[in-house]
Amino acid sequence: MAQTTLVELIGGKKDVVAEYLANRPALQVITRQKRIKAEVIFKDGERRIFPCRAETREKAVAEVLHFVDCMERQTGQSVIWSLLGEKEYYIGSSRPVKKKQSIGSKLFDYFFGLED
């Protein structure tokens, strides 16, 4: 049985974010570690804090990307997001590029790298 909110009864526009957060399944494991949070910025300037359930950065990024993808589909607008405490912002639901450098290239840069 679906619950209706006061906004739906009046005939106003539904809040997609509040609906998503209300319908998430309950957390099964209770831990004392600090959860990762993401800041989501919509095109109209509205900022929301999305609390991730994941404890690792990789899982939190996957959770945020899923949320951002759903918000882009529902609103039809691009969404900017960032994990709290980081200075990089990402646009849309594309996965951020990881910078990996092999040991060989690190050694090459150490011995033969150009200096400014």
PDB file of N, CA and C in Angstrom:
ATOM      1  N   MET A   1       0.843  -1.163   0.000  1.00  0.00           N
ATOM      2  CA  MET A   1       0.000   0.000   0.000  1.00  0.00           C
ATOM      3  C   MET A   1       0.897   1.238   0.000  1.00  0.00           C
ATOM      4  N   ALA A   2       0.738   2.066  -0.975  1.00  0.00           N
ATOM      5  CA  ALA A   2       1.596   3.241  -1.102  1.00  0.00           C
ATOM      6  C   ALA A   2       1.093   4.366  -0.203  1.00  0.00           C
ATOM      7  N   GLN A   3       2.025   5.054   0.401  1.00  0.00           N
ATOM      8  CA  GLN A   3       1.676   6.188   1.238  1.00  0.00           C
ATOM      9  C   GLN A   3       1.661   7.442   0.376  1.00  0.00           C
ATOM     10  N   THR A   4       0.697   8.308   0.627  1.00  0.00           N
ATOM     11  CA  THR A   4       0.640   9.567  -0.101  1.00  0.00           C
ATOM     12  C   THR A   4       1.057  10.691   0.830  1.00  0.00           C
ATOM     13  N   THR A   5       1.750  11.629   0.273  1.00  0.00           N
ATOM     14  CA  THR A   5       2.192  12.773   1.063  1.00  0.00           C
ATOM     15  C   THR A   5       1.183  13.904   0.926  1.00  0.00           C
ATOM     16  N   LEU A   6       1.346  14.900   1.760  1.00  0.00           N
ATOM     17  CA  LEU A   6       0.449  16.051   1.739  1.00  0.00           C
ATOM     18  C   LEU A   6       0.546  16.801   0.416  1.00  0.00           C
ATOM     19  N   VAL A   7       1.742  16.848  -0.149  1.00  0.00           N
ATOM     20  CA  VAL A   7       1.943  17.549  -1.421  1.00  0.00           C
ATOM     21  C   VAL A   7       1.158  16.861  -2.536  1.00  0.00           C
ATOM     22  N   GLU A   8       1.145  15.518  -2.531  1.00  0.00           N
ATOM     23  CA  GLU A   8       0.407  14.792  -3.559  1.00  0.00           C
ATOM     24  C   GLU A   8      -1.093  14.995  -3.409  1.00  0.00           C
ATOM     25  N   LEU A   9      -1.581  15.057  -2.158  1.00  0.00           N
ATOM     26  CA  LEU A   9      -3.010  15.258  -1.936  1.00  0.00           C
ATOM     27  C   LEU A   9      -3.464  16.628  -2.423  1.00  0.00           C
ATOM     28  N   ILE A  10      -2.625  17.636  -2.219  1.00  0.00           N
ATOM     29  CA  ILE A  10      -2.954  18.992  -2.656  1.00  0.00           C
ATOM     30  C   ILE A  10      -2.842  19.108  -4.174  1.00  0.00           C
ATOM     31  N   GLY A  11      -2.000  18.279  -4.765  1.00  0.00           N
ATOM     32  CA  GLY A  11      -1.828  18.317  -6.215  1.00  0.00           C
ATOM     33  C   GLY A  11      -0.562  19.014  -6.640  1.00  0.00           C
ATOM     34  N   GLY A  12       0.358  19.242  -5.713  1.00  0.00           N
ATOM     35  CA  GLY A  12       1.617  19.909  -6.040  1.00  0.00           C
ATOM     36  C   GLY A  12       2.627  18.941  -6.627  1.00  0.00           C
ATOM     37  N   LYS A  13       3.782  19.464  -6.951  1.00  0.00           N
ATOM     38  CA  LYS A  13       4.862  18.675  -7.524  1.00  0.00           C
ATOM     39  C   LYS A  13       5.528  17.836  -6.444  1.00  0.00           C
ATOM     40  N   LYS A  14       5.805  16.566  -6.764  1.00  0.00           N
ATOM     41  CA  LYS A  14       6.446  15.680  -5.803  1.00  0.00           C
ATOM     42  C   LYS A  14       7.928  16.013  -5.683  1.00  0.00           C
ATOM     43  N   ASP A  15       8.466  15.849  -4.497  1.00  0.00           N
ATOM     44  CA  ASP A  15       9.891  16.030  -4.271  1.00  0.00           C
ATOM     45  C   ASP A  15      10.564  14.686  -4.499  1.00  0.00           C
ATOM     46  N   VAL A  16      11.306  14.567  -5.590  1.00  0.00           N
ATOM     47  CA  VAL A  16      11.888  13.301  -5.996  1.00  0.00           C
ATOM     48  C   VAL A  16      12.942  12.833  -5.000  1.00  0.00           C
ATOM     49  N   VAL A  17      13.731  13.746  -4.471  1.00  0.00           N
ATOM     50  CA  VAL A  17      14.797  13.386  -3.539  1.00  0.00           C
ATOM     51  C   VAL A  17      14.213  12.836  -2.247  1.00  0.00           C
ATOM     52  N   ALA A  18      13.219  13.509  -1.696  1.00  0.00           N
ATOM     53  CA  ALA A  18      12.605  13.050  -0.451  1.00  0.00           C
ATOM     54  C   ALA A  18      11.928  11.700  -0.648  1.00  0.00           C
ATOM     55  N   GLU A  19      11.340  11.491  -1.813  1.00  0.00           N
ATOM     56  CA  GLU A  19      10.692  10.214  -2.094  1.00  0.00           C
ATOM     57  C   GLU A  19      11.721   9.084  -2.172  1.00  0.00           C
ATOM     58  N   TYR A  20      12.861   9.354  -2.817  1.00  0.00           N
ATOM     59  CA  TYR A  20      13.905   8.334  -2.920  1.00  0.00           C
ATOM     60  C   TYR A  20      14.459   7.981  -1.543  1.00  0.00           C
ATOM     61  N   LEU A  21      14.736   8.991  -0.723  1.00  0.00           N
ATOM     62  CA  LEU A  21      15.289   8.742   0.606  1.00  0.00           C
ATOM     63  C   LEU A  21      14.294   8.007   1.498  1.00  0.00           C
ATOM     64  N   ALA A  22      13.011   8.243   1.319  1.00  0.00           N
ATOM     65  CA  ALA A  22      12.001   7.581   2.144  1.00  0.00           C
ATOM     66  C   ALA A  22      11.809   6.121   1.750  1.00  0.00           C
ATOM     67  N   ASN A  23      12.061   5.775   0.495  1.00  0.00           N
ATOM     68  CA  ASN A  23      11.809   4.422   0.014  1.00  0.00           C
ATOM     69  C   ASN A  23      13.040   3.526   0.017  1.00  0.00           C
ATOM     70  N   ARG A  24      14.174   4.004   0.516  1.00  0.00           N
ATOM     71  CA  ARG A  24      15.362   3.158   0.576  1.00  0.00           C
ATOM     72  C   ARG A  24      15.174   2.087   1.636  1.00  0.00           C
ATOM     73  N   PRO A  25      15.713   0.887   1.417  1.00  0.00           N
ATOM     74  CA  PRO A  25      15.601  -0.150   2.456  1.00  0.00           C
ATOM     75  C   PRO A  25      16.425   0.227   3.683  1.00  0.00           C
ATOM     76  N   ALA A  26      16.023  -0.285   4.819  1.00  0.00           N
ATOM     77  CA  ALA A  26      16.679   0.058   6.086  1.00  0.00           C
ATOM     78  C   ALA A  26      18.076  -0.546   6.159  1.00  0.00           C
ATOM     79  N   LEU A  27      18.961   0.121   6.845  1.00  0.00           N
ATOM     80  CA  LEU A  27      20.325  -0.346   7.038  1.00  0.00           C
ATOM     81  C   LEU A  27      20.316  -1.509   8.017  1.00  0.00           C
ATOM     82  N   GLN A  28      20.996  -2.594   7.664  1.00  0.00           N
ATOM     83  CA  GLN A  28      20.940  -3.797   8.485  1.00  0.00           C
ATOM     84  C   GLN A  28      22.027  -3.828   9.547  1.00  0.00           C
ATOM     85  N   VAL A  29      23.188  -3.304   9.259  1.00  0.00           N
ATOM     86  CA  VAL A  29      24.309  -3.363  10.186  1.00  0.00           C
ATOM     87  C   VAL A  29      24.527  -1.983  10.790  1.00  0.00           C
ATOM     88  N   ILE A  30      24.626  -1.926  12.098  1.00  0.00           N
ATOM     89  CA  ILE A  30      24.872  -0.660  12.774  1.00  0.00           C
ATOM     90  C   ILE A  30      26.358  -0.600  13.119  1.00  0.00           C
ATOM     91  N   THR A  31      27.040   0.410  12.603  1.00  0.00           N
ATOM     92  CA  THR A  31      28.463   0.581  12.885  1.00  0.00           C
ATOM     93  C   THR A  31      28.686   1.975  13.442  1.00  0.00           C
ATOM     94  N   ARG A  32      29.862   2.181  13.996  1.00  0.00           N
ATOM     95  CA  ARG A  32      30.180   3.474  14.580  1.00  0.00           C
ATOM     96  C   ARG A  32      31.109   4.298  13.693  1.00  0.00           C
ATOM     97  N   GLN A  33      31.424   3.809  12.508  1.00  0.00           N
ATOM     98  CA  GLN A  33      32.301   4.562  11.625  1.00  0.00           C
ATOM     99  C   GLN A  33      31.538   5.712  10.980  1.00  0.00           C
ATOM    100  N   LYS A  34      32.277   6.747  10.660  1.00  0.00           N
ATOM    101  CA  LYS A  34      31.677   7.921  10.032  1.00  0.00           C
ATOM    102  C   LYS A  34      31.308   7.588   8.587  1.00  0.00           C
ATOM    103  N   ARG A  35      30.129   7.935   8.213  1.00  0.00           N
ATOM    104  CA  ARG A  35      29.646   7.670   6.860  1.00  0.00           C
ATOM    105  C   ARG A  35      30.119   8.765   5.904  1.00  0.00           C
ATOM    106  N   ILE A  36      30.243   8.390   4.655  1.00  0.00           N
ATOM    107  CA  ILE A  36      30.645   9.331   3.622  1.00  0.00           C
ATOM    108  C   ILE A  36      29.396  10.053   3.130  1.00  0.00           C
ATOM    109  N   LYS A  37      29.508  11.354   2.925  1.00  0.00           N
ATOM    110  CA  LYS A  37      28.384  12.156   2.442  1.00  0.00           C
ATOM    111  C   LYS A  37      28.783  12.842   1.146  1.00  0.00           C
ATOM    112  N   ALA A  38      27.787  13.079   0.318  1.00  0.00           N
ATOM    113  CA  ALA A  38      28.022  13.757  -0.952  1.00  0.00           C
ATOM    114  C   ALA A  38      27.140  14.991  -1.034  1.00  0.00           C
ATOM    115  N   GLU A  39      27.671  16.018  -1.667  1.00  0.00           N
ATOM    116  CA  GLU A  39      26.911  17.238  -1.910  1.00  0.00           C
ATOM    117  C   GLU A  39      26.422  17.197  -3.355  1.00  0.00           C
ATOM    118  N   VAL A  40      25.127  17.328  -3.537  1.00  0.00           N
ATOM    119  CA  VAL A  40      24.521  17.290  -4.864  1.00  0.00           C
ATOM    120  C   VAL A  40      23.939  18.670  -5.148  1.00  0.00           C
ATOM    121  N   ILE A  41      24.326  19.249  -6.284  1.00  0.00           N
ATOM    122  CA  ILE A  41      23.869  20.590  -6.657  1.00  0.00           C
ATOM    123  C   ILE A  41      23.037  20.476  -7.933  1.00  0.00           C
ATOM    124  N   PHE A  42      21.800  20.947  -7.856  1.00  0.00           N
ATOM    125  CA  PHE A  42      20.919  20.929  -9.010  1.00  0.00           C
ATOM    126  C   PHE A  42      21.100  22.201  -9.828  1.00  0.00           C
ATOM    127  N   LYS A  43      20.514  22.208 -11.023  1.00  0.00           N
ATOM    128  CA  LYS A  43      20.712  23.320 -11.947  1.00  0.00           C
ATOM    129  C   LYS A  43      20.152  24.637 -11.411  1.00  0.00           C
ATOM    130  N   ASP A  44      19.103  24.570 -10.594  1.00  0.00           N
ATOM    131  CA  ASP A  44      18.517  25.792 -10.052  1.00  0.00           C
ATOM    132  C   ASP A  44      19.281  26.324  -8.843  1.00  0.00           C
ATOM    133  N   GLY A  45      20.386  25.675  -8.466  1.00  0.00           N
ATOM    134  CA  GLY A  45      21.216  26.137  -7.361  1.00  0.00           C
ATOM    135  C   GLY A  45      20.920  25.461  -6.042  1.00  0.00           C
ATOM    136  N   GLU A  46      19.929  24.590  -6.012  1.00  0.00           N
ATOM    137  CA  GLU A  46      19.578  23.896  -4.775  1.00  0.00           C
ATOM    138  C   GLU A  46      20.657  22.870  -4.436  1.00  0.00           C
ATOM    139  N   ARG A  47      21.092  22.895  -3.187  1.00  0.00           N
ATOM    140  CA  ARG A  47      22.124  21.967  -2.719  1.00  0.00           C
ATOM    141  C   ARG A  47      21.503  20.981  -1.748  1.00  0.00           C
ATOM    142  N   ARG A  48      21.847  19.713  -1.926  1.00  0.00           N
ATOM    143  CA  ARG A  48      21.370  18.669  -1.025  1.00  0.00           C
ATOM    144  C   ARG A  48      22.566  17.847  -0.569  1.00  0.00           C
ATOM    145  N   ILE A  49      22.499  17.379   0.658  1.00  0.00           N
ATOM    146  CA  ILE A  49      23.523  16.482   1.184  1.00  0.00           C
ATOM    147  C   ILE A  49      22.951  15.074   1.118  1.00  0.00           C
ATOM    148  N   PHE A  50      23.659  14.184   0.433  1.00  0.00           N
ATOM    149  CA  PHE A  50      23.222  12.800   0.278  1.00  0.00           C
ATOM    150  C   PHE A  50      24.093  11.919   1.167  1.00  0.00           C
ATOM    151  N   PRO A  51      23.538  11.329   2.228  1.00  0.00           N
ATOM    152  CA  PRO A  51      24.330  10.446   3.089  1.00  0.00           C
ATOM    153  C   PRO A  51      24.444   9.058   2.462  1.00  0.00           C
ATOM    154  N   CYS A  52      25.651   8.617   2.219  1.00  0.00           N
ATOM    155  CA  CYS A  52      25.873   7.293   1.636  1.00  0.00           C
ATOM    156  C   CYS A  52      25.867   6.241   2.738  1.00  0.00           C
ATOM    157  N   ARG A  53      25.469   5.052   2.382  1.00  0.00           N
ATOM    158  CA  ARG A  53      25.499   3.952   3.340  1.00  0.00           C
ATOM    159  C   ARG A  53      26.840   3.231   3.313  1.00  0.00           C
ATOM    160  N   ALA A  54      27.587   3.427   2.269  1.00  0.00           N
ATOM    161  CA  ALA A  54      28.870   2.752   2.124  1.00  0.00           C
ATOM    162  C   ALA A  54      29.923   3.389   3.021  1.00  0.00           C
ATOM    163  N   GLU A  55      30.895   2.573   3.406  1.00  0.00           N
ATOM    164  CA  GLU A  55      31.980   3.066   4.251  1.00  0.00           C
ATOM    165  C   GLU A  55      33.251   3.321   3.456  1.00  0.00           C
ATOM    166  N   THR A  56      33.384   2.711   2.304  1.00  0.00           N
ATOM    167  CA  THR A  56      34.565   2.939   1.476  1.00  0.00           C
ATOM    168  C   THR A  56      34.229   3.949   0.386  1.00  0.00           C
ATOM    169  N   ARG A  57      35.255   4.614  -0.109  1.00  0.00           N
ATOM    170  CA  ARG A  57      35.055   5.661  -1.109  1.00  0.00           C
ATOM    171  C   ARG A  57      34.513   5.085  -2.420  1.00  0.00           C
ATOM    172  N   GLU A  58      35.031   3.931  -2.841  1.00  0.00           N
ATOM    173  CA  GLU A  58      34.612   3.346  -4.110  1.00  0.00           C
ATOM    174  C   GLU A  58      33.124   2.987  -4.097  1.00  0.00           C
ATOM    175  N   LYS A  59      32.674   2.381  -3.005  1.00  0.00           N
ATOM    176  CA  LYS A  59      31.264   2.012  -2.905  1.00  0.00           C
ATOM    177  C   LYS A  59      30.382   3.252  -2.768  1.00  0.00           C
ATOM    178  N   ALA A  60      30.884   4.262  -2.073  1.00  0.00           N
ATOM    179  CA  ALA A  60      30.120   5.501  -1.919  1.00  0.00           C
ATOM    180  C   ALA A  60      29.973   6.206  -3.262  1.00  0.00           C
ATOM    181  N   VAL A  61      31.022   6.213  -4.067  1.00  0.00           N
ATOM    182  CA  VAL A  61      30.950   6.840  -5.394  1.00  0.00           C
ATOM    183  C   VAL A  61      29.925   6.111  -6.255  1.00  0.00           C
ATOM    184  N   ALA A  62      29.906   4.779  -6.187  1.00  0.00           N
ATOM    185  CA  ALA A  62      28.924   4.016  -6.960  1.00  0.00           C
ATOM    186  C   ALA A  62      27.501   4.349  -6.516  1.00  0.00           C
ATOM    187  N   GLU A  63      27.302   4.496  -5.218  1.00  0.00           N
ATOM    188  CA  GLU A  63      25.979   4.836  -4.686  1.00  0.00           C
ATOM    189  C   GLU A  63      25.559   6.247  -5.109  1.00  0.00           C
ATOM    190  N   VAL A  64      26.491   7.183  -5.057  1.00  0.00           N
ATOM    191  CA  VAL A  64      26.190   8.563  -5.462  1.00  0.00           C
ATOM    192  C   VAL A  64      25.899   8.627  -6.960  1.00  0.00           C
ATOM    193  N   LEU A  65      26.653   7.879  -7.763  1.00  0.00           N
ATOM    194  CA  LEU A  65      26.420   7.880  -9.209  1.00  0.00           C
ATOM    195  C   LEU A  65      25.033   7.339  -9.544  1.00  0.00           C
ATOM    196  N   HIS A  66      24.598   6.321  -8.813  1.00  0.00           N
ATOM    197  CA  HIS A  66      23.251   5.789  -9.028  1.00  0.00           C
ATOM    198  C   HIS A  66      22.201   6.844  -8.681  1.00  0.00           C
ATOM    199  N   PHE A  67      22.397   7.526  -7.562  1.00  0.00           N
ATOM    200  CA  PHE A  67      21.468   8.577  -7.139  1.00  0.00           C
ATOM    201  C   PHE A  67      21.436   9.715  -8.156  1.00  0.00           C
ATOM    202  N   VAL A  68      22.611  10.149  -8.617  1.00  0.00           N
ATOM    203  CA  VAL A  68      22.699  11.250  -9.586  1.00  0.00           C
ATOM    204  C   VAL A  68      22.046  10.848 -10.908  1.00  0.00           C
ATOM    205  N   ASP A  69      22.246   9.606 -11.331  1.00  0.00           N
ATOM    206  CA  ASP A  69      21.630   9.124 -12.566  1.00  0.00           C
ATOM    207  C   ASP A  69      20.106   9.164 -12.462  1.00  0.00           C
ATOM    208  N   CYS A  70      19.573   8.737 -11.326  1.00  0.00           N
ATOM    209  CA  CYS A  70      18.116   8.785 -11.116  1.00  0.00           C
ATOM    210  C   CYS A  70      17.603  10.223 -11.116  1.00  0.00           C
ATOM    211  N   MET A  71      18.348  11.128 -10.487  1.00  0.00           N
ATOM    212  CA  MET A  71      17.920  12.527 -10.438  1.00  0.00           C
ATOM    213  C   MET A  71      17.962  13.169 -11.822  1.00  0.00           C
ATOM    214  N   GLU A  72      18.966  12.815 -12.628  1.00  0.00           N
ATOM    215  CA  GLU A  72      19.047  13.364 -13.982  1.00  0.00           C
ATOM    216  C   GLU A  72      17.889  12.872 -14.839  1.00  0.00           C
ATOM    217  N   ARG A  73      17.509  11.602 -14.661  1.00  0.00           N
ATOM    218  CA  ARG A  73      16.380  11.070 -15.425  1.00  0.00           C
ATOM    219  C   ARG A  73      15.067  11.734 -15.011  1.00  0.00           C
ATOM    220  N   GLN A  74      14.884  11.935 -13.710  1.00  0.00           N
ATOM    221  CA  GLN A  74      13.627  12.500 -13.221  1.00  0.00           C
ATOM    222  C   GLN A  74      13.485  13.984 -13.561  1.00  0.00           C
ATOM    223  N   THR A  75      14.567  14.744 -13.389  1.00  0.00           N
ATOM    224  CA  THR A  75      14.476  16.187 -13.608  1.00  0.00           C
ATOM    225  C   THR A  75      14.790  16.589 -15.045  1.00  0.00           C
ATOM    226  N   GLY A  76      15.538  15.759 -15.766  1.00  0.00           N
ATOM    227  CA  GLY A  76      15.922  16.095 -17.130  1.00  0.00           C
ATOM    228  C   GLY A  76      17.021  17.136 -17.202  1.00  0.00           C
ATOM    229  N   GLN A  77      17.697  17.399 -16.089  1.00  0.00           N
ATOM    230  CA  GLN A  77      18.761  18.397 -16.040  1.00  0.00           C
ATOM    231  C   GLN A  77      20.048  17.736 -15.554  1.00  0.00           C
ATOM    232  N   SER A  78      21.170  18.379 -15.851  1.00  0.00           N
ATOM    233  CA  SER A  78      22.443  17.859 -15.368  1.00  0.00           C
ATOM    234  C   SER A  78      22.608  18.197 -13.890  1.00  0.00           C
ATOM    235  N   VAL A  79      23.330  17.340 -13.192  1.00  0.00           N
ATOM    236  CA  VAL A  79      23.528  17.475 -11.753  1.00  0.00           C
ATOM    237  C   VAL A  79      25.024  17.499 -11.481  1.00  0.00           C
ATOM    238  N   ILE A  80      25.462  18.383 -10.594  1.00  0.00           N
ATOM    239  CA  ILE A  80      26.864  18.468 -10.181  1.00  0.00           C
ATOM    240  C   ILE A  80      26.965  17.867  -8.789  1.00  0.00           C
ATOM    241  N   TRP A  81      28.005  17.061  -8.550  1.00  0.00           N
ATOM    242  CA  TRP A  81      28.144  16.438  -7.240  1.00  0.00           C
ATOM    243  C   TRP A  81      29.602  16.372  -6.816  1.00  0.00           C
ATOM    244  N   SER A  82      29.797  16.251  -5.509  1.00  0.00           N
ATOM    245  CA  SER A  82      31.127  16.125  -4.928  1.00  0.00           C
ATOM    246  C   SER A  82      30.999  15.413  -3.594  1.00  0.00           C
ATOM    247  N   LEU A  83      32.006  14.636  -3.241  1.00  0.00           N
ATOM    248  CA  LEU A  83      32.041  14.055  -1.905  1.00  0.00           C
ATOM    249  C   LEU A  83      32.472  15.148  -0.940  1.00  0.00           C
ATOM    250  N   LEU A  84      31.836  15.211   0.222  1.00  0.00           N
ATOM    251  CA  LEU A  84      32.173  16.251   1.194  1.00  0.00           C
ATOM    252  C   LEU A  84      33.622  16.093   1.636  1.00  0.00           C
ATOM    253  N   GLY A  85      34.320  17.198   1.714  1.00  0.00           N
ATOM    254  CA  GLY A  85      35.720  17.183   2.100  1.00  0.00           C
ATOM    255  C   GLY A  85      36.668  17.148   0.920  1.00  0.00           C
ATOM    256  N   GLU A  86      36.153  16.992  -0.284  1.00  0.00           N
ATOM    257  CA  GLU A  86      36.992  16.990  -1.478  1.00  0.00           C
ATOM    258  C   GLU A  86      36.764  18.280  -2.255  1.00  0.00           C
ATOM    259  N   LYS A  87      37.756  18.668  -3.035  1.00  0.00           N
ATOM    260  CA  LYS A  87      37.672  19.921  -3.777  1.00  0.00           C
ATOM    261  C   LYS A  87      37.224  19.720  -5.222  1.00  0.00           C
ATOM    262  N   GLU A  88      37.121  18.471  -5.677  1.00  0.00           N
ATOM    263  CA  GLU A  88      36.746  18.205  -7.059  1.00  0.00           C
ATOM    264  C   GLU A  88      35.244  18.009  -7.173  1.00  0.00           C
ATOM    265  N   TYR A  89      34.659  18.620  -8.191  1.00  0.00           N
ATOM    266  CA  TYR A  89      33.243  18.465  -8.481  1.00  0.00           C
ATOM    267  C   TYR A  89      33.106  17.729  -9.801  1.00  0.00           C
ATOM    268  N   TYR A  90      32.086  16.897  -9.903  1.00  0.00           N
ATOM    269  CA  TYR A  90      31.842  16.109 -11.101  1.00  0.00           C
ATOM    270  C   TYR A  90      30.474  16.476 -11.656  1.00  0.00           C
ATOM    271  N   ILE A  91      30.357  16.439 -12.979  1.00  0.00           N
ATOM    272  CA  ILE A  91      29.099  16.755 -13.640  1.00  0.00           C
ATOM    273  C   ILE A  91      28.512  15.463 -14.178  1.00  0.00           C
ATOM    274  N   GLY A  92      27.281  15.192 -13.811  1.00  0.00           N
ATOM    275  CA  GLY A  92      26.571  14.042 -14.348  1.00  0.00           C
ATOM    276  C   GLY A  92      26.906  12.744 -13.641  1.00  0.00           C
ATOM    277  N   SER A  93      26.460  11.662 -14.271  1.00  0.00           N
ATOM    278  CA  SER A  93      26.602  10.349 -13.652  1.00  0.00           C
ATOM    279  C   SER A  93      27.728   9.527 -14.260  1.00  0.00           C
ATOM    280  N   SER A  94      28.660  10.175 -14.950  1.00  0.00           N
ATOM    281  CA  SER A  94      29.804   9.438 -15.480  1.00  0.00           C
ATOM    282  C   SER A  94      30.815   9.211 -14.362  1.00  0.00           C
ATOM    283  N   ARG A  95      31.448   8.052 -14.396  1.00  0.00           N
ATOM    284  CA  ARG A  95      32.389   7.683 -13.343  1.00  0.00           C
ATOM    285  C   ARG A  95      33.638   8.554 -13.432  1.00  0.00           C
ATOM    286  N   PRO A  96      34.104   9.107 -12.287  1.00  0.00           N
ATOM    287  CA  PRO A  96      35.316   9.936 -12.315  1.00  0.00           C
ATOM    288  C   PRO A  96      36.545   9.113 -12.705  1.00  0.00           C
ATOM    289  N   VAL A  97      37.454   9.740 -13.428  1.00  0.00           N
ATOM    290  CA  VAL A  97      38.653   9.072 -13.912  1.00  0.00           C
ATOM    291  C   VAL A  97      39.662   8.953 -12.778  1.00  0.00           C
ATOM    292  N   LYS A  98      40.190   7.750 -12.608  1.00  0.00           N
ATOM    293  CA  LYS A  98      41.216   7.530 -11.590  1.00  0.00           C
ATOM    294  C   LYS A  98      42.583   7.709 -12.235  1.00  0.00           C
ATOM    295  N   LYS A  99      43.460   8.394 -11.544  1.00  0.00           N
ATOM    296  CA  LYS A  99      44.821   8.558 -12.032  1.00  0.00           C
ATOM    297  C   LYS A  99      45.674   7.454 -11.430  1.00  0.00           C
ATOM    298  N   LYS A 100      46.051   6.486 -12.256  1.00  0.00           N
ATOM    299  CA  LYS A 100      46.933   5.423 -11.798  1.00  0.00           C
ATOM    300  C   LYS A 100      48.231   5.529 -12.584  1.00  0.00           C
ATOM    301  N   GLN A 101      49.304   5.406 -11.876  1.00  0.00           N
ATOM    302  CA  GLN A 101      50.599   5.505 -12.504  1.00  0.00           C
ATOM    303  C   GLN A 101      51.367   4.238 -12.155  1.00  0.00           C
ATOM    304  N   SER A 102      51.916   3.575 -13.157  1.00  0.00           N
ATOM    305  CA  SER A 102      52.641   2.336 -12.912  1.00  0.00           C
ATOM    306  C   SER A 102      53.979   2.633 -12.239  1.00  0.00           C
ATOM    307  N   ILE A 103      54.559   1.596 -11.666  1.00  0.00           N
ATOM    308  CA  ILE A 103      55.848   1.746 -10.982  1.00  0.00           C
ATOM    309  C   ILE A 103      56.925   2.166 -11.977  1.00  0.00           C
ATOM    310  N   GLY A 104      56.858   1.598 -13.191  1.00  0.00           N
ATOM    311  CA  GLY A 104      57.844   1.957 -14.207  1.00  0.00           C
ATOM    312  C   GLY A 104      57.787   3.423 -14.582  1.00  0.00           C
ATOM    313  N   SER A 105      56.590   3.937 -14.762  1.00  0.00           N
ATOM    314  CA  SER A 105      56.479   5.352 -15.129  1.00  0.00           C
ATOM    315  C   SER A 105      56.855   6.261 -13.963  1.00  0.00           C
ATOM    316  N   LYS A 106      56.619   5.815 -12.725  1.00  0.00           N
ATOM    317  CA  LYS A 106      57.050   6.597 -11.566  1.00  0.00           C
ATOM    318  C   LYS A 106      58.573   6.667 -11.500  1.00  0.00           C
ATOM    319  N   LEU A 107      59.232   5.529 -11.728  1.00  0.00           N
ATOM    320  CA  LEU A 107      60.699   5.519 -11.729  1.00  0.00           C
ATOM    321  C   LEU A 107      61.255   6.372 -12.870  1.00  0.00           C
ATOM    322  N   PHE A 108      60.644   6.262 -14.043  1.00  0.00           N
ATOM    323  CA  PHE A 108      61.092   7.056 -15.179  1.00  0.00           C
ATOM    324  C   PHE A 108      60.957   8.544 -14.875  1.00  0.00           C
ATOM    325  N   ASP A 109      59.819   8.943 -14.298  1.00  0.00           N
ATOM    326  CA  ASP A 109      59.621  10.352 -13.944  1.00  0.00           C
ATOM    327  C   ASP A 109      60.583  10.805 -12.853  1.00  0.00           C
ATOM    328  N   TYR A 110      60.929   9.902 -11.939  1.00  0.00           N
ATOM    329  CA  TYR A 110      61.842  10.260 -10.854  1.00  0.00           C
ATOM    330  C   TYR A 110      63.243  10.539 -11.391  1.00  0.00           C
ATOM    331  N   PHE A 111      63.733   9.656 -12.284  1.00  0.00           N
ATOM    332  CA  PHE A 111      65.097   9.807 -12.779  1.00  0.00           C
ATOM    333  C   PHE A 111      65.201  10.727 -13.996  1.00  0.00           C
ATOM    334  N   PHE A 112      64.221  10.685 -14.883  1.00  0.00           N
ATOM    335  CA  PHE A 112      64.335  11.412 -16.142  1.00  0.00           C
ATOM    336  C   PHE A 112      63.248  12.459 -16.335  1.00  0.00           C
ATOM    337  N   GLY A 113      62.494  12.748 -15.313  1.00  0.00           N
ATOM    338  CA  GLY A 113      61.393  13.707 -15.440  1.00  0.00           C
ATOM    339  C   GLY A 113      61.893  15.116 -15.672  1.00  0.00           C
ATOM    340  N   LEU A 114      61.109  15.884 -16.375  1.00  0.00           N
ATOM    341  CA  LEU A 114      61.475  17.270 -16.639  1.00  0.00           C
ATOM    342  C   LEU A 114      61.137  18.129 -15.432  1.00  0.00           C
ATOM    343  N   GLU A 115      62.018  19.042 -15.121  1.00  0.00           N
ATOM    344  CA  GLU A 115      61.795  19.950 -14.000  1.00  0.00           C
ATOM    345  C   GLU A 115      61.418  21.311 -14.545  1.00  0.00           C
ATOM    346  N   ASP A 116      60.529  21.995 -13.872  1.00  0.00           N
ATOM    347  CA  ASP A 116      60.116  23.333 -14.311  1.00  0.00           C
ATOM    348  C   ASP A 116      61.120  24.376 -13.919  1.00  0.00           C
TER     349      ASP A 116
END
